[in-house]
Amino acid sequence: QVQLVESGGGLVQVGGSLRLSCAASGRTFSSYAMGWFRQAPGKERELVAGIMSGGTAKYADSVKGRFTISRDNAKNAIYLQMNSLKPEDTAVYYCAGARGIGWYVPSQPGDYTHWGQGTQVSVSS
């Protein structure tokens, strides 16, 4: 069983940066596709970035060029480096893992089997 714990959220000004971390427990973490989702009030949860077990990444168009996802299988962790933050990036960010799927990045929340508790990111203008 994999458990996920996010950290690194907070309040930042427009144009600033934050780095989110997700610590995973469990021996099979390295075989999971992993993703960062976000959910703003009144909106659906959306995939921001995902990474396959081998390290290939996928990004939402809205964050391409600004966000970078990475994983360190030796440390059982994934990260989301967020630069040039905008007010529309304000949301609760969730780390998610897809058991049994390592060769592509699922886009739908329902395809993920494990979730963290979420961390708030707020960008002030």
Protein backbone atom coordinates (compact mmCIF):
# COMPACT_ATOMS: atom_id res chain seq x y z
CA GLN A 1 0.00 0.00 0.00
CA VAL A 2 1.40 3.38 -1.02
CA GLN A 3 0.70 6.46 1.06
CA LEU A 4 1.35 9.95 -0.25
CA VAL A 5 2.10 13.11 1.73
CA GLU A 6 2.45 16.50 0.07
CA SER A 7 4.35 19.51 1.35
CA GLY A 8 5.58 22.86 0.09
CA GLY A 9 2.41 24.81 -0.54
CA GLY A 10 1.91 28.37 0.61
CA LEU A 11 1.21 31.95 -0.34
CA VAL A 12 3.32 33.58 -3.03
CA GLN A 13 3.10 36.73 -5.13
CA VAL A 14 2.52 36.77 -8.86
CA GLY A 15 5.67 35.75 -10.68
CA GLY A 16 7.04 33.87 -7.71
CA SER A 17 8.02 30.23 -7.34
CA LEU A 18 7.14 27.29 -5.16
CA ARG A 19 8.33 23.71 -5.04
CA LEU A 20 5.90 21.01 -4.01
CA SER A 21 7.11 17.68 -2.72
CA CYS A 22 5.30 14.38 -2.39
CA ALA A 23 6.76 11.68 -0.19
CA ALA A 24 5.59 8.16 -0.90
CA SER A 25 5.77 5.09 1.26
CA GLY A 26 5.74 1.61 -0.21
CA ARG A 27 8.11 -0.54 -2.17
CA THR A 28 6.26 -0.38 -5.48
CA PHE A 29 6.29 3.41 -5.88
CA SER A 30 8.80 3.33 -8.71
CA SER A 31 6.43 1.36 -10.93
CA TYR A 32 3.56 3.86 -10.59
CA ALA A 33 2.73 6.67 -12.94
CA MET A 34 2.50 9.76 -10.73
CA GLY A 35 0.65 13.01 -11.18
CA TRP A 36 0.03 16.40 -9.69
CA PHE A 37 -3.58 17.52 -9.84
CA ARG A 38 -5.16 20.75 -8.69
CA GLN A 39 -8.64 21.80 -7.77
CA ALA A 40 -9.82 25.37 -7.44
CA PRO A 41 -13.12 26.27 -5.72
CA GLY A 42 -16.05 25.44 -7.95
CA LYS A 43 -13.90 23.72 -10.54
CA GLU A 44 -13.13 20.14 -11.40
CA ARG A 45 -9.90 18.49 -10.39
CA GLU A 46 -7.46 18.70 -13.28
CA LEU A 47 -4.14 17.13 -14.14
CA VAL A 48 -1.34 19.67 -13.99
CA ALA A 49 1.61 17.39 -14.70
CA GLY A 50 2.34 13.69 -14.71
CA ILE A 51 5.37 11.49 -14.96
CA MET A 52 5.80 7.91 -16.07
CA SER A 53 7.83 5.38 -14.14
CA GLY A 54 10.72 5.92 -16.56
CA GLY A 55 10.65 9.68 -16.16
CA THR A 56 8.77 10.88 -19.25
CA ALA A 57 6.63 13.87 -18.31
CA LYS A 58 3.36 15.31 -19.50
CA TYR A 59 1.99 18.80 -18.80
CA ALA A 60 -1.25 20.68 -19.08
CA ASP A 61 -1.04 23.43 -21.68
CA SER A 62 -1.67 26.05 -19.02
CA VAL A 63 1.57 25.24 -17.19
CA LYS A 64 3.95 24.24 -19.98
CA GLY A 65 7.18 26.15 -19.72
CA ARG A 66 6.47 27.21 -16.13
CA PHE A 67 6.12 23.96 -14.17
CA THR A 68 8.49 21.00 -14.03
CA ILE A 69 7.66 17.61 -12.59
CA SER A 70 10.39 15.22 -11.50
CA ARG A 71 10.72 12.03 -9.53
CA ASP A 72 13.42 10.44 -7.44
CA ASN A 73 12.62 6.74 -7.13
CA ALA A 74 15.51 6.19 -4.74
CA LYS A 75 13.91 8.66 -2.34
CA ASN A 76 10.32 7.64 -3.12
CA ALA A 77 9.45 11.21 -3.97
CA ILE A 78 8.10 13.39 -6.72
CA TYR A 79 8.36 17.14 -7.04
CA LEU A 80 6.63 19.97 -8.82
CA GLN A 81 8.70 23.08 -9.42
CA MET A 82 6.35 25.96 -10.15
CA ASN A 83 7.75 29.17 -11.60
CA SER A 84 6.15 32.36 -12.90
CA LEU A 85 3.08 31.69 -10.83
CA LYS A 86 -0.19 33.34 -11.77
CA PRO A 87 -3.36 34.01 -9.76
CA GLU A 88 -5.12 31.31 -11.78
CA ASP A 89 -2.68 28.75 -10.36
CA THR A 90 -4.35 29.18 -6.98
CA ALA A 91 -5.79 25.82 -5.93
CA VAL A 92 -5.35 22.83 -3.69
CA TYR A 93 -2.66 20.65 -5.23
CA TYR A 94 -2.80 16.88 -4.90
CA CYS A 95 -0.21 14.23 -5.47
CA ALA A 96 -1.60 11.03 -7.00
CA GLY A 97 -0.32 7.62 -7.96
CA ALA A 98 -1.65 5.15 -10.51
CA ARG A 99 -0.99 1.56 -9.45
CA GLY A 100 -0.35 -0.81 -12.30
CA ILE A 101 0.20 2.00 -14.78
CA GLY A 102 3.74 3.11 -15.38
CA TRP A 103 4.01 3.40 -19.14
CA TYR A 104 1.73 6.40 -19.68
CA VAL A 105 0.23 9.27 -17.70
CA PRO A 106 -3.51 8.96 -17.12
CA SER A 107 -5.40 12.23 -17.38
CA GLN A 108 -8.49 11.38 -15.38
CA PRO A 109 -8.60 11.42 -11.58
CA GLY A 110 -10.50 8.14 -11.63
CA ASP A 111 -7.48 6.36 -13.09
CA TYR A 112 -5.40 7.09 -9.99
CA THR A 113 -5.51 4.71 -7.05
CA HIS A 114 -3.69 6.68 -4.38
CA TRP A 115 -4.03 10.30 -3.28
CA GLY A 116 -2.38 12.65 -0.87
CA GLN A 117 -4.27 14.99 1.39
CA GLY A 118 -3.55 18.08 -0.69
CA THR A 119 -1.63 21.29 -0.12
CA GLN A 120 -2.90 24.82 -0.69
CA VAL A 121 -1.16 27.07 -3.19
CA SER A 122 -2.28 30.70 -3.24
CA VAL A 123 -0.94 33.29 -5.66
CA SER A 124 -1.68 36.91 -4.82
CA SER A 125 -1.73 39.72 -7.35
